[in-house]
């Protein structure tokens, strides 16, 4: 049981959903202010409003940065800012250089250790900011700039995350270039998906943790948007968030494709699915359409997201996307 909970926690942490499930979206006016702030040039001193609606003033370009979630870390390294990163979480596993950085904790970060690293900037995340409010306050009280990055639930919000990080770190233009490149690649995937007739769209069940605690992605998740992007239907679209489902309920859904996202953390996921008693009647099992995709690539709102979307697209529609 503990192992299953550990797998689920790790997967959902990558998606930024553990602590942020109950968070409310900012009012339209606030959202417009945030977008406008992100679009400003990264000249120091600079001001921005972060995802916690906190006005942050960064006096000079940061030289030492601590990242409190893997997606922030991957964005920093993709902007060639790895040399400035002095601390990451225990969940950071990409790129390889990030794993060599000082660890400052996991979901619960070590305030004293972070302060001891003497960073100029700490990049927190909206999904965990509420539960970590006291710790973030202690960091601010210690004179450290803290920016809470938005919990992206769409491609557009991923681009906003990149630009916010880029602005805070002094690499706004580079972050914009990275976002523009992702937009082009996602647009190309959508164009290919548009050729799939409505009647030929496959129903896909996404399994984010193995039996007996099987969780999936509902209609109001980023994973649901990814499925739409590649021209597929979410078999669990009548569910919300990240619900737990019984094996019997999944069999009744009879999905055309089953995609697991925990192979990185749990061995032989395809064998686990196809070997379940009573599942031989499920279309995905009969048609050998059970695939595992890299969890981090399809759940972390960062630069590798395009790789994850492509991997998912090729698995579901190889004839369309492998051309």
C-alpha atoms as a PDB file:
ATOM      1  CA  UNK A   1       0.000   0.000   0.000  1.00  0.00           C
ATOM      2  CA  UNK A   2       2.769   2.454   0.923  1.00  0.00           C
ATOM      3  CA  UNK A   3       4.523   1.749  -2.375  1.00  0.00           C
ATOM      4  CA  UNK A   4       1.317   2.398  -4.321  1.00  0.00           C
ATOM      5  CA  UNK A   5       0.738   5.669  -2.490  1.00  0.00           C
ATOM      6  CA  UNK A   6       4.341   6.661  -3.143  1.00  0.00           C
ATOM      7  CA  UNK A   7       3.920   6.025  -6.886  1.00  0.00           C
ATOM      8  CA  UNK A   8       0.682   7.998  -7.017  1.00  0.00           C
ATOM      9  CA  UNK A   9       2.121  10.877  -5.001  1.00  0.00           C
ATOM     10  CA  UNK A  10       5.165  11.096  -7.258  1.00  0.00           C
ATOM     11  CA  UNK A  11       3.064  11.032 -10.435  1.00  0.00           C
ATOM     12  CA  UNK A  12       0.574  13.614  -9.204  1.00  0.00           C
ATOM     13  CA  UNK A  13       3.323  15.822  -7.788  1.00  0.00           C
ATOM     14  CA  UNK A  14       4.794  15.954 -11.292  1.00  0.00           C
ATOM     15  CA  UNK A  15       1.453  17.183 -12.536  1.00  0.00           C
ATOM     16  CA  UNK A  16       1.259  19.769  -9.773  1.00  0.00           C
ATOM     17  CA  UNK A  17      -2.120  18.517  -8.535  1.00  0.00           C
ATOM     18  CA  UNK A  18      -1.599  17.223  -4.992  1.00  0.00           C
ATOM     19  CA  UNK A  19      -2.016  20.427  -3.069  1.00  0.00           C
ATOM     20  CA  UNK A  20      -3.647  22.530  -5.743  1.00  0.00           C
ATOM     21  CA  UNK A  21      -6.829  20.528  -6.420  1.00  0.00           C
ATOM     22  CA  UNK A  22      -8.947  22.932  -4.408  1.00  0.00           C
ATOM     23  CA  UNK A  23      -7.348  26.166  -5.566  1.00  0.00           C
ATOM     24  CA  UNK A  24      -9.500  28.740  -7.305  1.00  0.00           C
ATOM     25  CA  UNK A  25      -8.632  30.486 -10.541  1.00  0.00           C
ATOM     26  CA  UNK A  26      -7.727  34.149 -10.351  1.00  0.00           C
ATOM     27  CA  UNK A  27     -10.310  36.696 -11.387  1.00  0.00           C
ATOM     28  CA  UNK A  28     -10.106  37.735 -15.069  1.00  0.00           C
ATOM     29  CA  UNK A  29      -8.747  41.149 -14.088  1.00  0.00           C
ATOM     30  CA  UNK A  30      -5.965  39.602 -12.024  1.00  0.00           C
ATOM     31  CA  UNK A  31      -5.179  37.105 -14.793  1.00  0.00           C
ATOM     32  CA  UNK A  32      -4.853  39.940 -17.302  1.00  0.00           C
ATOM     33  CA  UNK A  33      -2.544  41.778 -14.921  1.00  0.00           C
ATOM     34  CA  UNK A  34      -0.355  38.690 -14.569  1.00  0.00           C
ATOM     35  CA  UNK A  35      -0.150  38.202 -18.330  1.00  0.00           C
ATOM     36  CA  UNK A  36       0.749  41.854 -18.833  1.00  0.00           C
ATOM     37  CA  UNK A  37       3.401  41.644 -16.128  1.00  0.00           C
ATOM     38  CA  UNK A  38       4.991  38.597 -17.703  1.00  0.00           C
ATOM     39  CA  UNK A  39       5.228  40.357 -21.068  1.00  0.00           C
ATOM     40  CA  UNK A  40       7.377  43.157 -19.715  1.00  0.00           C
ATOM     41  CA  UNK A  41      11.073  43.141 -20.439  1.00  0.00           C
ATOM     42  CA  UNK A  42      13.282  41.476 -17.825  1.00  0.00           C
ATOM     43  CA  UNK A  43      15.210  44.571 -16.773  1.00  0.00           C
ATOM     44  CA  UNK A  44      16.285  44.926 -13.162  1.00  0.00           C
ATOM     45  CA  UNK A  45      14.979  46.001 -10.806  1.00  0.00           C
ATOM     46  CA  UNK A  46      11.710  44.452 -11.973  1.00  0.00           C
ATOM     47  CA  UNK A  47       8.269  43.878 -10.555  1.00  0.00           C
ATOM     48  CA  UNK A  48       5.888  41.015 -11.189  1.00  0.00           C
ATOM     49  CA  UNK A  49       2.728  39.566  -9.677  1.00  0.00           C
ATOM     50  CA  UNK A  50       3.103  35.854  -9.074  1.00  0.00           C
ATOM     51  CA  UNK A  51       0.513  33.067  -8.950  1.00  0.00           C
ATOM     52  CA  UNK A  52      -0.256  33.785  -5.299  1.00  0.00           C
ATOM     53  CA  UNK A  53      -1.190  37.374  -6.223  1.00  0.00           C
ATOM     54  CA  UNK A  54       1.922  38.581  -4.414  1.00  0.00           C
ATOM     55  CA  UNK A  55       3.738  41.605  -5.834  1.00  0.00           C
ATOM     56  CA  UNK A  56       7.424  40.727  -6.030  1.00  0.00           C
ATOM     57  CA  UNK A  57      10.253  43.195  -6.658  1.00  0.00           C
ATOM     58  CA  UNK A  58      13.551  41.668  -7.748  1.00  0.00           C
ATOM     59  CA  UNK A  59      16.302  44.247  -7.393  1.00  0.00           C
ATOM     60  CA  UNK A  60      19.008  42.535  -9.442  1.00  0.00           C
ATOM     61  CA  UNK A  61      19.499  39.524 -11.675  1.00  0.00           C
ATOM     62  CA  UNK A  62      19.582  36.387  -9.469  1.00  0.00           C
ATOM     63  CA  UNK A  63      22.886  34.572  -9.198  1.00  0.00           C
ATOM     64  CA  UNK A  64      21.715  31.671  -7.006  1.00  0.00           C
ATOM     65  CA  UNK A  65      18.329  29.991  -7.465  1.00  0.00           C
ATOM     66  CA  UNK A  66      16.471  27.281  -5.540  1.00  0.00           C
ATOM     67  CA  UNK A  67      13.660  25.379  -7.299  1.00  0.00           C
ATOM     68  CA  UNK A  68      10.891  23.721  -5.273  1.00  0.00           C
ATOM     69  CA  UNK A  69       9.304  21.568  -8.001  1.00  0.00           C
ATOM     70  CA  UNK A  70      10.780  19.509 -10.880  1.00  0.00           C
ATOM     71  CA  UNK A  71       8.969  21.409 -13.649  1.00  0.00           C
ATOM     72  CA  UNK A  72      10.549  24.703 -12.548  1.00  0.00           C
ATOM     73  CA  UNK A  73      13.940  23.003 -12.507  1.00  0.00           C
ATOM     74  CA  UNK A  74      13.564  21.612 -16.027  1.00  0.00           C
ATOM     75  CA  UNK A  75      12.564  25.034 -17.329  1.00  0.00           C
ATOM     76  CA  UNK A  76      15.617  26.640 -15.717  1.00  0.00           C
ATOM     77  CA  UNK A  77      18.006  24.089 -17.185  1.00  0.00           C
ATOM     78  CA  UNK A  78      16.401  24.419 -20.622  1.00  0.00           C
ATOM     79  CA  UNK A  79      17.226  28.123 -20.479  1.00  0.00           C
ATOM     80  CA  UNK A  80      20.874  27.267 -19.717  1.00  0.00           C
ATOM     81  CA  UNK A  81      20.548  28.482 -16.133  1.00  0.00           C
ATOM     82  CA  UNK A  82      21.681  25.239 -14.525  1.00  0.00           C
ATOM     83  CA  UNK A  83      24.855  26.849 -13.192  1.00  0.00           C
ATOM     84  CA  UNK A  84      22.721  29.234 -11.141  1.00  0.00           C
ATOM     85  CA  UNK A  85      20.625  26.470  -9.567  1.00  0.00           C
ATOM     86  CA  UNK A  86      21.960  25.707  -6.083  1.00  0.00           C
ATOM     87  CA  UNK A  87      19.078  23.664  -4.671  1.00  0.00           C
ATOM     88  CA  UNK A  88      16.323  21.331  -5.882  1.00  0.00           C
ATOM     89  CA  UNK A  89      13.881  18.825  -4.383  1.00  0.00           C
ATOM     90  CA  UNK A  90      14.322  15.114  -3.866  1.00  0.00           C
ATOM     91  CA  UNK A  91      11.856  14.560  -6.729  1.00  0.00           C
ATOM     92  CA  UNK A  92      14.069  16.252  -9.318  1.00  0.00           C
ATOM     93  CA  UNK A  93      15.423  13.636 -11.709  1.00  0.00           C
ATOM     94  CA  UNK A  94      16.035  15.550 -14.943  1.00  0.00           C
ATOM     95  CA  UNK A  95      18.368  16.594 -16.357  1.00  0.00           C
ATOM     96  CA  UNK A  96      21.153  14.511 -14.888  1.00  0.00           C
ATOM     97  CA  UNK A  97      22.967  17.629 -13.695  1.00  0.00           C
ATOM     98  CA  UNK A  98      19.955  18.557 -11.555  1.00  0.00           C
ATOM     99  CA  UNK A  99      20.316  15.342  -9.575  1.00  0.00           C
ATOM    100  CA  UNK A 100      23.744  16.516  -8.427  1.00  0.00           C
ATOM    101  CA  UNK A 101      22.396  19.707  -6.886  1.00  0.00           C
ATOM    102  CA  UNK A 102      21.841  20.137  -3.153  1.00  0.00           C
ATOM    103  CA  UNK A 103      18.529  18.613  -2.016  1.00  0.00           C
ATOM    104  CA  UNK A 104      16.257  20.851   0.043  1.00  0.00           C
ATOM    105  CA  UNK A 105      13.521  18.331   0.817  1.00  0.00           C
ATOM    106  CA  UNK A 106      10.514  16.938  -1.011  1.00  0.00           C
ATOM    107  CA  UNK A 107       6.922  18.118  -0.738  1.00  0.00           C
ATOM    108  CA  UNK A 108       7.948  19.628   2.612  1.00  0.00           C
ATOM    109  CA  UNK A 109      11.068  21.718   2.028  1.00  0.00           C
ATOM    110  CA  UNK A 110      13.742  22.471   4.611  1.00  0.00           C
ATOM    111  CA  UNK A 111      13.617  26.222   5.285  1.00  0.00           C
ATOM    112  CA  UNK A 112      16.897  26.303   7.218  1.00  0.00           C
ATOM    113  CA  UNK A 113      18.738  24.444   4.471  1.00  0.00           C
ATOM    114  CA  UNK A 114      17.435  26.794   1.804  1.00  0.00           C
ATOM    115  CA  UNK A 115      18.447  29.860   3.798  1.00  0.00           C
ATOM    116  CA  UNK A 116      21.876  28.298   4.304  1.00  0.00           C
ATOM    117  CA  UNK A 117      22.345  28.097   0.530  1.00  0.00           C
ATOM    118  CA  UNK A 118      21.949  31.892   0.396  1.00  0.00           C
ATOM    119  CA  UNK A 119      19.855  32.035  -2.781  1.00  0.00           C
ATOM    120  CA  UNK A 120      18.728  35.286  -4.367  1.00  0.00           C
ATOM    121  CA  UNK A 121      15.567  33.656  -5.702  1.00  0.00           C
ATOM    122  CA  UNK A 122      13.332  30.737  -4.715  1.00  0.00           C
ATOM    123  CA  UNK A 123      10.900  29.450  -7.335  1.00  0.00           C
ATOM    124  CA  UNK A 124       7.934  27.869  -5.567  1.00  0.00           C
ATOM    125  CA  UNK A 125       4.768  26.429  -7.149  1.00  0.00           C
ATOM    126  CA  UNK A 126       1.088  27.249  -6.828  1.00  0.00           C
ATOM    127  CA  UNK A 127       0.138  23.605  -6.232  1.00  0.00           C
ATOM    128  CA  UNK A 128       1.991  23.544  -2.926  1.00  0.00           C
ATOM    129  CA  UNK A 129       2.088  27.224  -1.940  1.00  0.00           C
ATOM    130  CA  UNK A 130      -0.954  27.087   0.343  1.00  0.00           C
ATOM    131  CA  UNK A 131       0.388  24.214   2.429  1.00  0.00           C
ATOM    132  CA  UNK A 132       3.838  25.831   2.488  1.00  0.00           C
ATOM    133  CA  UNK A 133       2.701  29.373   3.262  1.00  0.00           C
ATOM    134  CA  UNK A 134       4.554  29.598   6.579  1.00  0.00           C
ATOM    135  CA  UNK A 135       7.803  28.280   5.093  1.00  0.00           C
ATOM    136  CA  UNK A 136       7.621  30.702   2.168  1.00  0.00           C
ATOM    137  CA  UNK A 137       7.015  33.568   4.595  1.00  0.00           C
ATOM    138  CA  UNK A 138      10.132  32.578   6.531  1.00  0.00           C
ATOM    139  CA  UNK A 139      12.138  32.683   3.309  1.00  0.00           C
ATOM    140  CA  UNK A 140      10.801  36.140   2.472  1.00  0.00           C
ATOM    141  CA  UNK A 141      11.495  37.325   6.011  1.00  0.00           C
ATOM    142  CA  UNK A 142      15.090  36.156   5.491  1.00  0.00           C
ATOM    143  CA  UNK A 143      15.369  38.585   2.575  1.00  0.00           C
ATOM    144  CA  UNK A 144      15.026  36.003  -0.205  1.00  0.00           C
ATOM    145  CA  UNK A 145      12.862  36.782  -3.235  1.00  0.00           C
ATOM    146  CA  UNK A 146      10.149  34.126  -3.597  1.00  0.00           C
ATOM    147  CA  UNK A 147       8.127  33.742  -6.800  1.00  0.00           C
ATOM    148  CA  UNK A 148       5.173  31.334  -6.854  1.00  0.00           C
ATOM    149  CA  UNK A 149       4.819  29.899 -10.379  1.00  0.00           C
ATOM    150  CA  UNK A 150       1.304  29.140 -11.644  1.00  0.00           C
ATOM    151  CA  UNK A 151      -0.061  25.583 -11.605  1.00  0.00           C
ATOM    152  CA  UNK A 152      -0.456  25.174 -15.371  1.00  0.00           C
ATOM    153  CA  UNK A 153      -3.599  23.338 -16.473  1.00  0.00           C
ATOM    154  CA  UNK A 154      -3.327  24.097 -20.187  1.00  0.00           C
ATOM    155  CA  UNK A 155      -0.663  24.607 -22.823  1.00  0.00           C
ATOM    156  CA  UNK A 156      -1.144  28.382 -22.684  1.00  0.00           C
ATOM    157  CA  UNK A 157      -0.569  28.346 -18.936  1.00  0.00           C
ATOM    158  CA  UNK A 158       2.627  26.327 -19.458  1.00  0.00           C
ATOM    159  CA  UNK A 159       3.919  29.101 -21.690  1.00  0.00           C
ATOM    160  CA  UNK A 160       2.981  31.640 -18.997  1.00  0.00           C
ATOM    161  CA  UNK A 161       4.948  29.597 -16.433  1.00  0.00           C
ATOM    162  CA  UNK A 162       7.998  29.635 -18.666  1.00  0.00           C
ATOM    163  CA  UNK A 163       7.813  33.377 -19.214  1.00  0.00           C
ATOM    164  CA  UNK A 164       7.315  34.092 -15.513  1.00  0.00           C
ATOM    165  CA  UNK A 165      10.382  32.011 -14.647  1.00  0.00           C
ATOM    166  CA  UNK A 166      12.325  33.574 -17.492  1.00  0.00           C
ATOM    167  CA  UNK A 167      11.457  37.076 -16.365  1.00  0.00           C
ATOM    168  CA  UNK A 168      12.326  36.424 -12.709  1.00  0.00           C
ATOM    169  CA  UNK A 169      15.637  34.823 -13.668  1.00  0.00           C
ATOM    170  CA  UNK A 170      16.620  37.473 -16.203  1.00  0.00           C
ATOM    171  CA  UNK A 171      16.070  35.378 -19.337  1.00  0.00           C
ATOM    172  CA  UNK A 172      12.678  36.557 -20.561  1.00  0.00           C
ATOM    173  CA  UNK A 173      13.564  36.530 -24.253  1.00  0.00           C
ATOM    174  CA  UNK A 174      14.980  33.017 -24.035  1.00  0.00           C
ATOM    175  CA  UNK A 175      11.832  31.802 -22.279  1.00  0.00           C
ATOM    176  CA  UNK A 176       9.681  33.397 -24.978  1.00  0.00           C
ATOM    177  CA  UNK A 177      11.703  31.651 -27.677  1.00  0.00           C
ATOM    178  CA  UNK A 178      11.295  28.333 -25.877  1.00  0.00           C
ATOM    179  CA  UNK A 179       7.532  28.836 -25.579  1.00  0.00           C
ATOM    180  CA  UNK A 180       7.273  29.833 -29.247  1.00  0.00           C
ATOM    181  CA  UNK A 181       9.070  26.648 -30.283  1.00  0.00           C
ATOM    182  CA  UNK A 182       6.674  24.543 -28.214  1.00  0.00           C
ATOM    183  CA  UNK A 183       3.668  26.317 -29.717  1.00  0.00           C
ATOM    184  CA  UNK A 184       4.828  25.460 -33.217  1.00  0.00           C
ATOM    185  CA  UNK A 185       5.312  21.797 -32.353  1.00  0.00           C
ATOM    186  CA  UNK A 186       1.941  21.508 -30.597  1.00  0.00           C
ATOM    187  CA  UNK A 187       0.260  23.212 -33.577  1.00  0.00           C
ATOM    188  CA  UNK A 188       1.837  20.626 -35.879  1.00  0.00           C
ATOM    189  CA  UNK A 189       0.476  17.798 -33.720  1.00  0.00           C
ATOM    190  CA  UNK A 190      -3.003  19.354 -33.732  1.00  0.00           C
ATOM    191  CA  UNK A 191      -2.892  19.686 -37.521  1.00  0.00           C
ATOM    192  CA  UNK A 192      -2.184  15.978 -37.922  1.00  0.00           C
ATOM    193  CA  UNK A 193      -4.905  15.116 -35.401  1.00  0.00           C
ATOM    194  CA  UNK A 194      -7.437  17.159 -37.374  1.00  0.00           C
ATOM    195  CA  UNK A 195      -7.274  14.535 -40.137  1.00  0.00           C
ATOM    196  CA  UNK A 196      -8.821  11.899 -37.829  1.00  0.00           C
ATOM    197  CA  UNK A 197     -12.579  11.507 -38.568  1.00  0.00           C
ATOM    198  CA  UNK A 198     -14.843  11.899 -35.551  1.00  0.00           C
ATOM    199  CA  UNK A 199     -16.080   8.295 -35.873  1.00  0.00           C
ATOM    200  CA  UNK A 200     -12.493   7.015 -35.836  1.00  0.00           C
ATOM    201  CA  UNK A 201     -11.450   8.783 -32.648  1.00  0.00           C
ATOM    202  CA  UNK A 202     -10.372   6.239 -30.027  1.00  0.00           C
ATOM    203  CA  UNK A 203     -11.441   6.193 -26.408  1.00  0.00           C
ATOM    204  CA  UNK A 204      -8.407   6.153 -24.141  1.00  0.00           C
ATOM    205  CA  UNK A 205      -8.216   5.237 -20.468  1.00  0.00           C
ATOM    206  CA  UNK A 206      -5.211   6.778 -18.724  1.00  0.00           C
ATOM    207  CA  UNK A 207      -4.019   4.796 -15.708  1.00  0.00           C
ATOM    208  CA  UNK A 208      -1.746   6.880 -13.493  1.00  0.00           C
ATOM    209  CA  UNK A 209      -1.262   4.255 -10.753  1.00  0.00           C
ATOM    210  CA  UNK A 210      -1.505   0.451 -10.745  1.00  0.00           C
ATOM    211  CA  UNK A 211      -4.048  -1.887  -9.188  1.00  0.00           C
ATOM    212  CA  UNK A 212      -5.439  -2.089  -6.553  1.00  0.00           C
ATOM    213  CA  UNK A 213      -5.377   1.729  -6.225  1.00  0.00           C
ATOM    214  CA  UNK A 214      -6.109   2.689  -9.830  1.00  0.00           C
ATOM    215  CA  UNK A 215      -6.376   6.428 -10.446  1.00  0.00           C
ATOM    216  CA  UNK A 216      -7.142   8.135 -13.745  1.00  0.00           C
ATOM    217  CA  UNK A 217      -7.405  11.615 -15.252  1.00  0.00           C
ATOM    218  CA  UNK A 218     -10.859  13.166 -15.497  1.00  0.00           C
ATOM    219  CA  UNK A 219     -12.294  15.825 -17.774  1.00  0.00           C
ATOM    220  CA  UNK A 220     -10.855  18.892 -16.036  1.00  0.00           C
ATOM    221  CA  UNK A 221      -7.191  17.913 -16.131  1.00  0.00           C
ATOM    222  CA  UNK A 222      -4.257  18.761 -18.328  1.00  0.00           C
ATOM    223  CA  UNK A 223      -4.131  15.099 -19.401  1.00  0.00           C
ATOM    224  CA  UNK A 224      -7.641  15.440 -20.810  1.00  0.00           C
ATOM    225  CA  UNK A 225      -6.467  18.414 -22.894  1.00  0.00           C
ATOM    226  CA  UNK A 226      -3.522  16.381 -24.143  1.00  0.00           C
ATOM    227  CA  UNK A 227      -5.860  13.590 -25.277  1.00  0.00           C
ATOM    228  CA  UNK A 228      -7.972  16.136 -27.160  1.00  0.00           C
ATOM    229  CA  UNK A 229      -4.833  17.559 -28.763  1.00  0.00           C
ATOM    230  CA  UNK A 230      -3.900  14.191 -30.265  1.00  0.00           C
ATOM    231  CA  UNK A 231      -7.464  13.514 -31.440  1.00  0.00           C
ATOM    232  CA  UNK A 232      -8.517  11.013 -28.779  1.00  0.00           C
ATOM    233  CA  UNK A 233     -11.477  10.774 -26.393  1.00  0.00           C
ATOM    234  CA  UNK A 234     -10.989  10.427 -22.665  1.00  0.00           C
ATOM    235  CA  UNK A 235     -12.760   7.243 -21.553  1.00  0.00           C
ATOM    236  CA  UNK A 236     -13.130   8.790 -18.082  1.00  0.00           C
ATOM    237  CA  UNK A 237     -14.447  12.140 -19.300  1.00  0.00           C
ATOM    238  CA  UNK A 238     -17.521  11.839 -17.058  1.00  0.00           C
ATOM    239  CA  UNK A 239     -15.211  11.988 -14.014  1.00  0.00           C
ATOM    240  CA  UNK A 240     -13.603  15.083 -12.503  1.00  0.00           C
ATOM    241  CA  UNK A 241     -10.050  15.588 -11.305  1.00  0.00           C
ATOM    242  CA  UNK A 242      -8.045  12.479 -10.508  1.00  0.00           C
ATOM    243  CA  UNK A 243     -10.597   9.854  -9.373  1.00  0.00           C
ATOM    244  CA  UNK A 244      -9.924   6.347  -8.115  1.00  0.00           C
ATOM    245  CA  UNK A 245     -11.721   3.700 -10.174  1.00  0.00           C
ATOM    246  CA  UNK A 246     -12.457   0.022  -9.639  1.00  0.00           C
ATOM    247  CA  UNK A 247     -11.368  -2.612 -12.126  1.00  0.00           C
ATOM    248  CA  UNK A 248     -15.013  -3.458 -12.776  1.00  0.00           C
ATOM    249  CA  UNK A 249     -15.814   0.149 -13.690  1.00  0.00           C
ATOM    250  CA  UNK A 250     -12.890   0.309 -16.106  1.00  0.00           C
ATOM    251  CA  UNK A 251     -13.900  -2.943 -17.802  1.00  0.00           C
ATOM    252  CA  UNK A 252     -17.382  -1.483 -18.342  1.00  0.00           C
ATOM    253  CA  UNK A 253     -15.846   1.557 -20.028  1.00  0.00           C
ATOM    254  CA  UNK A 254     -14.232  -0.847 -22.524  1.00  0.00           C
ATOM    255  CA  UNK A 255     -11.622   1.636 -23.823  1.00  0.00           C
ATOM    256  CA  UNK A 256     -10.015   1.207 -27.231  1.00  0.00           C
ATOM    257  CA  UNK A 257      -6.621   2.081 -25.762  1.00  0.00           C
ATOM    258  CA  UNK A 258      -5.164   1.948 -22.256  1.00  0.00           C
ATOM    259  CA  UNK A 259      -2.208   4.177 -21.457  1.00  0.00           C
ATOM    260  CA  UNK A 260      -0.240   3.757 -18.250  1.00  0.00           C
ATOM    261  CA  UNK A 261       2.028   6.495 -16.943  1.00  0.00           C
ATOM    262  CA  UNK A 262       3.814   4.733 -14.086  1.00  0.00           C
ATOM    263  CA  UNK A 263       6.322   2.476 -15.866  1.00  0.00           C
ATOM    264  CA  UNK A 264       9.147   4.703 -14.675  1.00  0.00           C
ATOM    265  CA  UNK A 265       8.166   3.936 -11.082  1.00  0.00           C
ATOM    266  CA  UNK A 266       6.606   0.450 -11.273  1.00  0.00           C
ATOM    267  CA  UNK A 267       7.931  -2.428 -13.425  1.00  0.00           C
ATOM    268  CA  UNK A 268       6.068  -4.149 -16.273  1.00  0.00           C
ATOM    269  CA  UNK A 269       2.942  -1.959 -16.363  1.00  0.00           C
ATOM    270  CA  UNK A 270       1.669  -3.486 -19.602  1.00  0.00           C
ATOM    271  CA  UNK A 271       1.875  -7.008 -18.162  1.00  0.00           C
ATOM    272  CA  UNK A 272       0.092  -5.760 -15.050  1.00  0.00           C
ATOM    273  CA  UNK A 273      -2.845  -4.531 -17.136  1.00  0.00           C
ATOM    274  CA  UNK A 274      -3.114  -7.383 -19.622  1.00  0.00           C
ATOM    275  CA  UNK A 275      -2.748 -10.010 -16.902  1.00  0.00           C
ATOM    276  CA  UNK A 276      -5.748  -8.891 -14.853  1.00  0.00           C
ATOM    277  CA  UNK A 277      -8.508 -11.425 -14.437  1.00  0.00           C
ATOM    278  CA  UNK A 278     -11.554 -10.623 -16.572  1.00  0.00           C
ATOM    279  CA  UNK A 279      -9.812  -7.982 -18.668  1.00  0.00           C
ATOM    280  CA  UNK A 280      -9.440 -10.171 -21.751  1.00  0.00           C
ATOM    281  CA  UNK A 281     -12.815  -8.827 -22.954  1.00  0.00           C
ATOM    282  CA  UNK A 282     -11.592  -5.214 -22.963  1.00  0.00           C
ATOM    283  CA  UNK A 283     -10.968  -3.935 -26.495  1.00  0.00           C
ATOM    284  CA  UNK A 284      -7.592  -2.423 -25.589  1.00  0.00           C
ATOM    285  CA  UNK A 285      -6.389  -5.768 -24.234  1.00  0.00           C
ATOM    286  CA  UNK A 286      -7.815  -7.807 -27.126  1.00  0.00           C
ATOM    287  CA  UNK A 287      -6.236  -5.473 -29.681  1.00  0.00           C
ATOM    288  CA  UNK A 288      -2.912  -5.289 -27.807  1.00  0.00           C
ATOM    289  CA  UNK A 289      -3.413  -1.544 -27.482  1.00  0.00           C
ATOM    290  CA  UNK A 290      -1.935  -1.124 -23.998  1.00  0.00           C
ATOM    291  CA  UNK A 291       1.020   1.263 -23.847  1.00  0.00           C
ATOM    292  CA  UNK A 292       3.187   2.907 -21.233  1.00  0.00           C
ATOM    293  CA  UNK A 293       4.365   6.489 -21.696  1.00  0.00           C
ATOM    294  CA  UNK A 294       6.956   8.368 -19.666  1.00  0.00           C
ATOM    295  CA  UNK A 295       5.104   9.885 -16.718  1.00  0.00           C
ATOM    296  CA  UNK A 296       7.309  12.946 -16.289  1.00  0.00           C
ATOM    297  CA  UNK A 297       7.033  13.895 -19.957  1.00  0.00           C
ATOM    298  CA  UNK A 298       3.220  13.950 -19.978  1.00  0.00           C
ATOM    299  CA  UNK A 299       2.647  15.434 -16.527  1.00  0.00           C
ATOM    300  CA  UNK A 300       5.360  18.035 -15.951  1.00  0.00           C
ATOM    301  CA  UNK A 301       4.405  21.417 -17.402  1.00  0.00           C
ATOM    302  CA  UNK A 302       7.766  22.128 -18.942  1.00  0.00           C
ATOM    303  CA  UNK A 303       9.911  21.856 -22.077  1.00  0.00           C
ATOM    304  CA  UNK A 304       9.695  18.040 -22.332  1.00  0.00           C
ATOM    305  CA  UNK A 305       5.906  18.165 -22.570  1.00  0.00           C
ATOM    306  CA  UNK A 306       6.037  18.119 -26.374  1.00  0.00           C
ATOM    307  CA  UNK A 307       8.017  14.865 -26.248  1.00  0.00           C
ATOM    308  CA  UNK A 308       5.320  13.382 -24.036  1.00  0.00           C
ATOM    309  CA  UNK A 309       2.494  14.490 -26.310  1.00  0.00           C
ATOM    310  CA  UNK A 310       4.309  13.030 -29.327  1.00  0.00           C
ATOM    311  CA  UNK A 311       4.900   9.761 -27.479  1.00  0.00           C
ATOM    312  CA  UNK A 312       1.216   9.536 -26.571  1.00  0.00           C
ATOM    313  CA  UNK A 313       0.115  10.414 -30.109  1.00  0.00           C
ATOM    314  CA  UNK A 314       2.372   7.789 -31.689  1.00  0.00           C
ATOM    315  CA  UNK A 315       1.087   5.137 -29.284  1.00  0.00           C
ATOM    316  CA  UNK A 316      -2.603   5.840 -29.933  1.00  0.00           C
ATOM    317  CA  UNK A 317      -2.479   6.626 -33.664  1.00  0.00           C
ATOM    318  CA  UNK A 318       0.767   5.241 -35.119  1.00  0.00           C
ATOM    319  CA  UNK A 319      -0.607   5.414 -38.689  1.00  0.00           C
ATOM    320  CA  UNK A 320      -1.318   9.138 -38.310  1.00  0.00           C
ATOM    321  CA  UNK A 321       1.643  10.414 -36.340  1.00  0.00           C
ATOM    322  CA  UNK A 322       4.452   8.097 -37.461  1.00  0.00           C
ATOM    323  CA  UNK A 323       4.308   9.345 -41.043  1.00  0.00           C
END
